[in-house]
Protein backbone atom coordinates (compact mmCIF):
# COMPACT_ATOMS: atom_id res chain seq x y z
CA MET A 1 0.77 -32.21 1.99
CA ALA A 2 -2.48 -31.20 0.34
CA SER A 3 -4.27 -28.16 1.70
CA PRO A 4 -7.50 -28.90 3.53
CA ALA A 5 -10.84 -27.90 2.09
CA LEU A 6 -12.57 -24.87 3.55
CA PRO A 7 -14.13 -25.76 6.88
CA PRO A 8 -17.93 -25.66 6.93
CA HIS A 9 -17.98 -22.13 8.32
CA PRO A 10 -21.46 -20.61 7.91
CA VAL A 11 -20.10 -17.41 6.34
CA LEU A 12 -17.09 -18.60 4.35
CA SER A 13 -18.95 -21.56 2.89
CA ARG A 14 -20.91 -19.02 0.82
CA ALA A 15 -17.87 -17.22 -0.60
CA GLY A 16 -18.54 -18.55 -4.09
CA GLU A 17 -21.68 -16.42 -4.27
CA VAL A 18 -19.72 -13.16 -4.31
CA LEU A 19 -16.96 -14.05 -6.76
CA ARG A 20 -18.62 -12.87 -9.97
CA PRO A 21 -19.36 -9.27 -8.89
CA ALA A 22 -15.94 -9.00 -7.23
CA LEU A 23 -14.25 -10.25 -10.41
CA THR A 24 -16.24 -7.81 -12.53
CA LEU A 25 -15.03 -4.95 -10.33
CA TYR A 26 -11.44 -6.17 -10.52
CA LEU A 27 -11.38 -6.41 -14.32
CA ASP A 28 -12.91 -2.96 -14.75
CA VAL A 29 -10.54 -1.29 -12.27
CA HIS A 30 -7.51 -3.06 -13.74
CA ARG A 31 -8.41 -2.02 -17.29
CA HIS A 32 -9.05 1.60 -16.26
CA PRO A 33 -6.50 2.48 -13.55
CA GLU A 34 -6.19 5.97 -12.14
CA PRO A 35 -3.07 7.42 -10.48
CA SER A 36 -2.91 8.98 -7.03
CA GLY A 37 -5.24 11.91 -6.54
CA ARG A 38 -7.25 11.19 -9.70
CA GLU A 39 -9.21 8.12 -8.62
CA SER A 40 -12.74 9.50 -9.27
CA ARG A 41 -13.91 6.69 -11.59
CA THR A 42 -12.43 3.98 -9.38
CA ALA A 43 -14.10 5.53 -6.35
CA ALA A 44 -17.45 5.58 -8.14
CA LEU A 45 -17.15 1.90 -9.08
CA LEU A 46 -16.31 0.88 -5.52
CA ALA A 47 -19.10 3.05 -4.10
CA GLU A 48 -21.61 1.46 -6.47
CA ARG A 49 -20.50 -2.04 -5.55
CA LEU A 50 -20.63 -1.34 -1.80
CA ALA A 51 -24.07 0.23 -2.10
CA ALA A 52 -25.31 -2.84 -3.96
CA SER A 53 -24.13 -4.90 -0.98
CA GLY A 54 -26.23 -2.87 1.43
CA CYS A 55 -23.57 -0.50 2.76
CA ASP A 56 -24.26 3.12 3.60
CA VAL A 57 -21.75 4.82 1.32
CA THR A 58 -20.02 8.17 1.69
CA ARG A 59 -17.84 9.59 -1.08
CA ASP A 60 -15.12 12.24 -1.19
CA VAL A 61 -13.65 11.59 2.24
CA GLY A 62 -10.17 13.11 2.24
CA GLY A 63 -10.19 13.49 -1.53
CA HIS A 64 -11.62 10.61 -3.52
CA GLY A 65 -11.92 8.36 -0.46
CA VAL A 66 -14.90 6.02 -0.18
CA VAL A 67 -16.37 4.68 3.07
CA GLY A 68 -18.95 1.91 3.10
CA VAL A 69 -20.59 1.11 6.45
CA LEU A 70 -22.40 -2.18 7.02
CA ARG A 71 -24.21 -2.05 10.36
CA ASN A 72 -25.48 -5.24 11.93
CA GLY A 73 -26.44 -4.64 15.53
CA GLU A 74 -24.31 -4.03 18.59
CA GLY A 75 -20.70 -5.12 18.42
CA PRO A 76 -17.19 -4.13 17.38
CA HIS A 77 -16.25 -1.71 14.61
CA VAL A 78 -13.95 -3.51 12.16
CA TYR A 79 -12.30 -1.41 9.46
CA LEU A 80 -11.21 -3.05 6.19
CA ARG A 81 -8.83 -0.84 4.26
CA ALA A 82 -8.06 -1.10 0.53
CA GLU A 83 -6.47 1.35 -1.90
CA LEU A 84 -7.87 3.08 -4.98
CA ASP A 85 -4.79 4.34 -6.79
CA ALA A 86 -2.55 2.97 -9.53
CA LEU A 87 0.98 3.82 -10.61
CA PRO A 88 1.94 6.19 -13.47
CA MET A 89 3.57 3.54 -15.66
CA ASP A 90 2.84 1.60 -18.83
CA GLU A 91 1.58 -1.96 -18.41
CA ARG A 92 3.44 -4.68 -20.31
CA THR A 93 1.70 -7.82 -19.06
CA GLY A 94 0.03 -8.71 -22.34
CA LEU A 95 -3.23 -9.47 -20.52
CA ALA A 96 -6.45 -9.23 -22.48
CA TYR A 97 -7.69 -6.72 -19.92
CA ALA A 98 -4.44 -4.76 -19.64
CA SER A 99 -4.52 -1.01 -19.18
CA ALA A 100 -3.58 1.20 -22.12
CA ASN A 101 -3.95 4.62 -20.51
CA GLY A 102 -0.43 5.16 -19.16
CA SER A 103 -1.24 3.98 -15.64
CA MET A 104 -1.12 0.49 -14.18
CA HIS A 105 -2.24 -1.46 -11.15
CA ALA A 106 1.24 -2.87 -10.63
CA CYS A 107 0.89 -3.23 -6.86
CA GLY A 108 -2.34 -5.17 -6.49
CA HIS A 109 -4.62 -2.36 -5.36
CA ASP A 110 -7.28 -3.57 -7.80
CA LEU A 111 -7.20 -6.96 -6.08
CA HIS A 112 -7.41 -5.35 -2.65
CA LEU A 113 -10.50 -3.39 -3.71
CA ALA A 114 -12.19 -6.43 -5.21
CA ALA A 115 -11.48 -8.49 -2.08
CA ALA A 116 -12.82 -5.77 0.24
CA ALA A 117 -15.95 -5.41 -1.88
CA GLY A 118 -16.35 -9.19 -1.91
CA THR A 119 -16.01 -9.32 1.87
CA ALA A 120 -18.68 -6.65 2.33
CA ASP A 121 -20.96 -8.56 -0.03
CA LEU A 122 -20.34 -11.82 1.82
CA LEU A 123 -20.97 -10.26 5.22
CA SER A 124 -24.17 -8.67 3.93
CA ARG A 125 -25.46 -12.04 2.72
CA THR A 126 -24.72 -13.72 6.07
CA ALA A 127 -25.87 -11.05 8.52
CA ASP A 128 -27.46 -13.67 10.77
CA ARG A 129 -24.00 -15.05 11.56
CA TRP A 130 -22.17 -12.01 12.91
CA ARG A 131 -22.71 -8.81 14.88
CA GLY A 132 -21.14 -5.39 14.78
CA THR A 133 -20.18 -2.87 12.11
CA ALA A 134 -17.91 -3.48 9.14
CA VAL A 135 -16.41 -0.34 7.60
CA VAL A 136 -14.81 -0.65 4.16
CA VAL A 137 -12.33 2.16 3.52
CA GLY A 138 -11.36 2.81 -0.11
CA GLN A 139 -8.28 4.96 0.37
CA PRO A 140 -6.87 7.23 -2.33
CA ALA A 141 -3.24 8.22 -2.84
CA GLU A 142 -1.49 5.37 -1.04
CA GLU A 143 1.37 5.37 -3.54
CA THR A 144 2.18 8.96 -2.61
CA LEU A 145 1.73 8.21 1.12
CA THR A 146 -0.79 11.02 1.48
CA GLY A 147 -4.22 9.38 1.32
CA ALA A 148 -4.49 7.90 4.81
CA ARG A 149 -3.54 11.21 6.39
CA ALA A 150 -6.11 13.05 4.27
CA MET A 151 -8.96 10.67 5.17
CA LEU A 152 -8.12 10.74 8.87
CA ALA A 153 -7.80 14.52 8.84
CA ASP A 154 -11.25 14.65 7.23
CA GLY A 155 -12.69 13.03 10.35
CA LEU A 156 -12.76 9.37 9.34
CA TYR A 157 -13.03 8.06 12.89
CA GLU A 158 -15.24 10.85 14.19
CA ARG A 159 -17.70 10.37 11.32
CA PHE A 160 -17.78 6.58 11.08
CA GLY A 161 -16.81 5.36 14.52
CA ARG A 162 -13.65 4.45 16.37
CA PRO A 163 -12.32 1.11 15.06
CA ASP A 164 -11.71 -1.83 17.36
CA VAL A 165 -9.26 -3.13 14.75
CA VAL A 166 -8.11 -2.05 11.29
CA LEU A 167 -7.30 -4.81 8.80
CA ALA A 168 -5.46 -4.72 5.48
CA GLN A 169 -3.82 -7.18 3.14
CA HIS A 170 -1.36 -6.72 0.29
CA ALA A 171 -0.61 -8.65 -2.87
CA ALA A 172 2.82 -10.27 -3.05
CA PRO A 173 4.63 -12.50 -5.59
CA LEU A 174 3.91 -15.65 -3.59
CA PRO A 175 1.82 -18.66 -4.66
CA SER A 176 -1.89 -17.88 -4.76
CA GLY A 177 -3.60 -18.80 -1.54
CA MET A 178 -0.49 -18.39 0.57
CA ILE A 179 -0.63 -15.96 3.50
CA ALA A 180 2.40 -14.37 5.18
CA HIS A 181 2.30 -12.49 8.48
CA GLY A 182 5.03 -10.37 10.04
CA THR A 183 7.23 -12.06 12.60
CA GLY A 184 7.19 -9.22 15.13
CA HIS A 185 11.01 -9.01 15.02
CA GLY A 186 10.96 -5.94 12.79
CA PRO A 187 8.51 -3.66 11.02
CA VAL A 188 6.26 -5.16 8.37
CA ALA A 189 6.91 -2.00 6.31
CA ALA A 190 9.58 0.66 6.60
CA ALA A 191 9.46 4.29 7.60
CA SER A 192 9.56 6.35 4.43
CA ALA A 193 9.89 9.87 3.09
CA ALA A 194 9.66 11.37 -0.37
CA LEU A 195 11.12 14.76 -1.19
CA THR A 196 12.13 16.98 -4.06
CA ALA A 197 15.30 19.03 -4.39
CA VAL A 198 15.30 21.91 -6.87
CA LEU A 199 18.81 23.06 -7.82
CA HIS A 200 19.18 26.55 -9.24
CA GLY A 201 21.79 27.27 -11.87
CA ARG A 202 22.24 29.97 -14.48
CA GLY A 203 21.11 29.00 -17.93
CA GLY A 204 22.66 29.88 -21.23
CA HIS A 205 23.98 28.69 -24.59
CA ALA A 206 25.79 25.37 -24.81
CA ALA A 207 28.50 27.15 -26.84
CA THR A 208 29.36 29.38 -23.87
CA PRO A 209 29.27 27.05 -20.85
CA HIS A 210 31.68 29.30 -18.96
CA LEU A 211 28.93 31.90 -18.74
CA THR A 212 26.53 29.46 -17.08
CA VAL A 213 26.18 27.52 -13.87
CA ASP A 214 25.02 24.13 -15.08
CA PRO A 215 22.50 22.58 -12.64
CA VAL A 216 22.64 19.28 -14.51
CA VAL A 217 26.29 18.82 -13.55
CA THR A 218 25.41 19.74 -9.97
CA ALA A 219 22.53 17.27 -10.01
CA ALA A 220 24.84 14.53 -11.26
CA ALA A 221 27.23 15.25 -8.39
CA VAL A 222 24.35 15.15 -5.91
CA VAL A 223 23.13 11.80 -7.23
CA THR A 224 26.59 10.30 -6.92
CA ARG A 225 27.25 11.72 -3.48
CA LEU A 226 23.88 10.62 -2.13
CA GLN A 227 24.96 7.00 -2.56
CA THR A 228 27.38 7.50 0.32
CA VAL A 229 24.48 8.03 2.74
CA VAL A 230 23.88 4.29 2.61
CA ALA A 231 27.39 3.13 1.75
CA ARG A 232 29.39 5.27 4.19
CA GLU A 233 27.04 6.89 6.71
CA THR A 234 24.85 3.91 7.61
CA ALA A 235 26.05 0.99 9.72
CA PRO A 236 26.22 -2.26 7.74
CA GLY A 237 23.70 -3.88 10.07
CA ASP A 238 21.14 -1.11 9.66
CA ARG A 239 18.56 -1.13 6.91
CA LEU A 240 18.30 1.99 4.77
CA THR A 241 17.59 2.62 1.11
CA LEU A 242 17.91 5.87 -0.81
CA THR A 243 16.66 6.20 -4.39
CA VAL A 244 16.76 9.10 -6.81
CA GLY A 245 13.70 8.14 -8.80
CA THR A 246 13.42 11.23 -10.99
CA LEU A 247 15.80 13.80 -12.44
CA ARG A 248 14.24 16.50 -14.60
CA ALA A 249 16.14 19.26 -16.34
CA GLY A 250 16.36 21.03 -19.65
CA THR A 251 14.40 21.38 -22.85
CA ALA A 252 17.05 21.13 -25.59
CA VAL A 253 20.57 19.75 -26.05
CA ASN A 254 22.01 23.16 -26.89
CA VAL A 255 20.56 24.96 -23.86
CA VAL A 256 21.96 24.91 -20.35
CA PRO A 257 18.85 25.00 -18.15
CA ASP A 258 18.22 27.22 -15.17
CA THR A 259 17.11 24.42 -12.86
CA ALA A 260 17.28 20.71 -12.23
CA GLU A 261 14.88 18.81 -9.98
CA LEU A 262 15.54 15.54 -8.17
CA GLY A 263 12.88 13.26 -6.72
CA ILE A 264 14.31 11.35 -3.76
CA GLY A 265 12.87 8.45 -1.79
CA ILE A 266 14.23 7.21 1.54
CA ARG A 267 13.25 4.12 3.51
CA ALA A 268 14.50 3.17 6.94
CA ALA A 269 13.72 0.69 9.70
CA ASP A 270 12.69 3.43 12.14
CA ASP A 271 12.02 7.14 12.38
CA ALA A 272 15.39 7.97 13.95
CA ALA A 273 17.27 6.47 11.00
CA LEU A 274 14.94 8.27 8.61
CA ASP A 275 15.65 11.60 10.36
CA ARG A 276 19.40 11.03 10.02
CA ALA A 277 19.08 10.22 6.34
CA LEU A 278 16.95 13.29 5.66
CA ALA A 279 19.53 15.48 7.39
CA ALA A 280 22.30 13.91 5.31
CA VAL A 281 20.39 14.53 2.08
CA GLU A 282 19.91 18.18 2.93
CA ARG A 283 23.57 18.58 3.88
CA ILE A 284 24.79 17.00 0.64
CA VAL A 285 22.43 18.92 -1.63
CA ARG A 286 23.37 22.24 -0.07
CA ALA A 287 27.09 21.46 -0.13
CA GLU A 288 27.12 20.42 -3.79
CA CYS A 289 25.21 23.57 -4.73
CA ALA A 290 27.76 25.65 -2.85
CA ALA A 291 30.60 23.79 -4.58
CA SER A 292 29.05 24.62 -7.95
CA ALA A 293 28.56 28.30 -7.04
CA CYS A 294 24.83 28.08 -7.65
CA PRO A 295 23.32 31.58 -7.60
CA ARG A 296 20.51 30.54 -5.22
CA ASP A 297 20.13 28.09 -2.39
CA PRO A 298 18.41 24.82 -3.31
CA GLU A 299 14.79 24.22 -2.38
CA LEU A 300 14.11 20.97 -0.50
CA THR A 301 10.51 19.96 0.07
CA VAL A 302 9.34 16.85 1.92
CA LEU A 303 6.29 15.72 -0.01
CA SER A 304 5.21 12.88 2.24
CA ARG A 305 6.34 10.89 5.21
CA SER A 306 5.07 7.71 6.81
CA PRO A 307 6.21 5.82 9.93
CA ALA A 308 7.19 2.17 10.07
CA LEU A 309 4.37 -0.36 10.27
CA TRP A 310 4.26 -2.49 13.41
CA CYS A 311 1.26 -4.77 13.71
CA HIS A 312 -0.49 -5.44 17.01
CA PRO A 313 0.99 -8.72 18.35
CA GLU A 314 -2.12 -10.22 19.96
CA ALA A 315 -4.48 -9.21 17.16
CA THR A 316 -2.02 -10.58 14.60
CA ARG A 317 -1.80 -13.90 16.44
CA THR A 318 -5.58 -14.15 16.42
CA VAL A 319 -5.87 -13.43 12.69
CA ARG A 320 -2.98 -15.74 11.87
CA ALA A 321 -4.67 -18.53 13.82
CA ALA A 322 -7.87 -17.97 11.83
CA HIS A 323 -5.92 -18.13 8.56
CA THR A 324 -4.13 -21.29 9.70
CA ALA A 325 -7.43 -22.91 10.59
CA LEU A 326 -8.83 -21.93 7.21
CA TYR A 327 -5.96 -22.81 4.89
CA GLY A 328 -3.73 -25.16 6.86
CA PRO A 329 -0.29 -24.42 8.36
CA GLU A 330 1.57 -25.14 5.11
CA ARG A 331 -0.10 -22.12 3.48
CA VAL A 332 0.54 -19.60 6.27
CA GLY A 333 4.12 -18.41 6.67
CA ASP A 334 6.31 -15.57 7.92
CA TRP A 335 6.95 -12.27 6.20
CA PRO A 336 10.38 -10.84 7.04
CA PRO A 337 10.82 -7.13 7.82
CA SER A 338 10.45 -5.26 4.57
CA MET A 339 11.68 -1.99 3.08
CA ALA A 340 8.36 -1.47 1.32
CA ALA A 341 6.49 1.59 2.60
CA GLU A 342 2.87 2.19 3.56
CA ASP A 343 0.77 4.94 5.07
CA PHE A 344 -1.38 2.29 6.78
CA PRO A 345 0.44 2.87 10.14
CA LEU A 346 -1.39 6.19 10.43
CA PHE A 347 -4.66 4.35 11.05
CA GLY A 348 -3.15 3.23 14.38
CA ASP A 349 -1.15 4.88 17.13
CA ALA A 350 1.34 6.41 14.68
CA GLY A 351 -1.48 8.67 13.49
CA ALA A 352 -2.77 9.66 16.93
CA GLY A 353 -1.73 13.24 16.26
CA ILE A 354 -4.24 13.30 13.39
CA HIS A 355 -7.18 11.27 14.67
CA ALA A 356 -6.64 11.72 18.45
CA GLU A 357 -7.23 8.03 19.19
CA ALA A 358 -4.90 5.61 20.94
CA GLY A 359 -4.73 1.86 21.24
CA ILE A 360 -6.18 1.00 17.83
CA PRO A 361 -4.72 -2.38 16.77
CA LEU A 362 -3.56 -2.89 13.19
CA VAL A 363 -3.24 -6.23 11.40
CA TYR A 364 -1.62 -6.42 7.97
CA TRP A 365 -0.61 -9.48 5.99
CA MET A 366 0.66 -10.43 2.56
CA ILE A 367 -1.34 -12.62 0.21
CA GLY A 368 0.07 -14.60 -2.71
CA VAL A 369 -1.17 -13.85 -6.22
CA MET A 370 0.86 -16.10 -8.52
CA GLY A 371 -0.84 -19.08 -10.14
CA PRO A 372 0.70 -22.56 -10.45
CA LYS A 373 1.90 -22.02 -14.03
CA GLN A 374 3.53 -18.69 -13.15
CA TRP A 375 5.21 -20.24 -10.14
CA ALA A 376 6.45 -23.25 -12.11
CA GLU A 377 7.99 -20.96 -14.74
CA ALA A 378 9.62 -18.63 -12.21
CA ALA A 379 13.20 -19.84 -12.69
CA ALA A 380 14.24 -16.35 -13.79
CA GLY A 381 12.31 -14.75 -10.95
CA LEU A 382 8.74 -13.53 -10.66
CA PRO A 383 7.93 -9.94 -11.63
CA PRO A 384 7.78 -8.02 -8.34
CA ASN A 385 5.30 -5.36 -7.34
CA HIS A 386 5.82 -2.13 -9.33
CA SER A 387 7.10 -4.09 -12.33
CA PRO A 388 5.34 -3.40 -15.65
CA HIS A 389 5.01 -7.20 -15.91
CA PHE A 390 3.34 -7.71 -12.49
CA ALA A 391 0.27 -9.84 -13.25
CA PRO A 392 -1.69 -11.58 -10.51
CA ASP A 393 -3.42 -14.78 -11.58
CA ILE A 394 -6.83 -13.46 -10.69
CA ARG A 395 -8.55 -16.84 -11.08
CA THR A 396 -6.55 -18.31 -8.20
CA ALA A 397 -5.77 -15.11 -6.27
CA LEU A 398 -9.18 -13.50 -5.80
CA PRO A 399 -11.06 -16.27 -3.92
CA PRO A 400 -8.47 -16.57 -1.10
CA ALA A 401 -8.12 -12.78 -0.96
CA ILE A 402 -11.83 -12.57 -0.15
CA THR A 403 -11.87 -15.44 2.33
CA ALA A 404 -8.67 -14.27 4.08
CA LEU A 405 -10.08 -10.80 4.68
CA THR A 406 -13.47 -12.16 5.72
CA ALA A 407 -11.93 -14.66 8.13
CA ALA A 408 -9.89 -11.88 9.69
CA ALA A 409 -12.97 -9.69 10.09
CA LEU A 410 -14.90 -12.54 11.70
CA THR A 411 -12.33 -12.86 14.47
CA ARG A 412 -13.93 -9.67 15.83
CA LEU A 413 -17.38 -9.73 14.25
CA GLY A 414 -18.09 -13.44 14.59
CA GLY A 415 -21.25 -13.94 16.58
CA THR A 416 -21.31 -17.72 16.29
CA ALA A 417 -19.43 -20.49 17.98
CA GLU A 418 -17.91 -21.45 14.63
CA ALA A 419 -16.56 -17.94 14.06
CA GLN A 420 -15.07 -17.73 17.52
CA ALA A 421 -13.44 -21.13 17.05
CA MET A 422 -11.70 -19.81 13.92
CA ALA A 423 -10.00 -17.13 16.01
CA HIS A 424 -8.42 -19.65 18.34
CA GLU A 425 -8.05 -22.89 16.45
CA GLY A 426 -4.40 -23.68 15.93
CA GLY A 427 -3.32 -20.69 18.04
């Protein structure tokens, strides 16, 4: 069944007007990505684009965070969150605008920024059709799960107003123009923690290993033993992942180093399971160090932690109905519970200890980014997020990313009969 054309909505019918500046932003950010905590250039580009759309812009909120406020009379505060940061990895997409600086937008954050900027631009051009305040949040350091906390701790809600809803979307290897919402039968994203474990040995010459305590051997034992946390300490029906993503030790093949450092990531369906896994990691690391007669206790440091993401049921139904009305039911599907991780939950009740607000609804959905040719050639599987080959088809992905976010915002901001109909049609 062919997808229907866009309905003659007074705001969305003008989406074509904002594509060029949004695309320009996307291409620039994709070509010049910046990793977590170093997003100064990206922040400046977003700030400039939001200011050109009529937003009051504030920089350096919780680090490199950007906030653009578009006020349009009395009405709800709708927050639109997008991310600034890239991943520290080499891009291998072969795109003409590929990054060559050792970082890469392999998770779609460049698309999210362009869509949020396009939505602000579109709302600015159609101010006679809605009422309220749209707040675009350019969040740093999402990949390290620290940016949301930093912005909220810097007074995001106190400074820019309590949100009536916070919206976000995320690129996924689905066909462009397809939307997927959580089912409500599990978290949209998992609870997550990242930690380091520094193991202390006693260095020396490779010719006299008996005079050393080799932390590399201990680290190898830890890596192997940690696999049992999932395989033998977690019920088969539970969802838990544990990854040792980094192992750093040594400077030369003929030197036994003094230390080895592991970078460990854990994801779980809920906070209780995450607590159990963290306790198991600490127990195993300490036990293996004792077994190796390490001269000092290991140092375990939790770098970041984020709760599971549960979207607000009623608000999600409303946004899903708007997307269904816009794109047709064949282009709006379900997103199963995922082990991906996000710090977006902190914008809602999970972050009440930071921002002291309760009852803030969150809506989060996935948006497809793969063009028809990519999808047709996907017999061997599409490159997933965080792959060096992840390459959204921006020609077909950006327009629906803008209209999907705008349609969601209008379910709260819509001051016209047409906008209100979008929130309920098909629901």
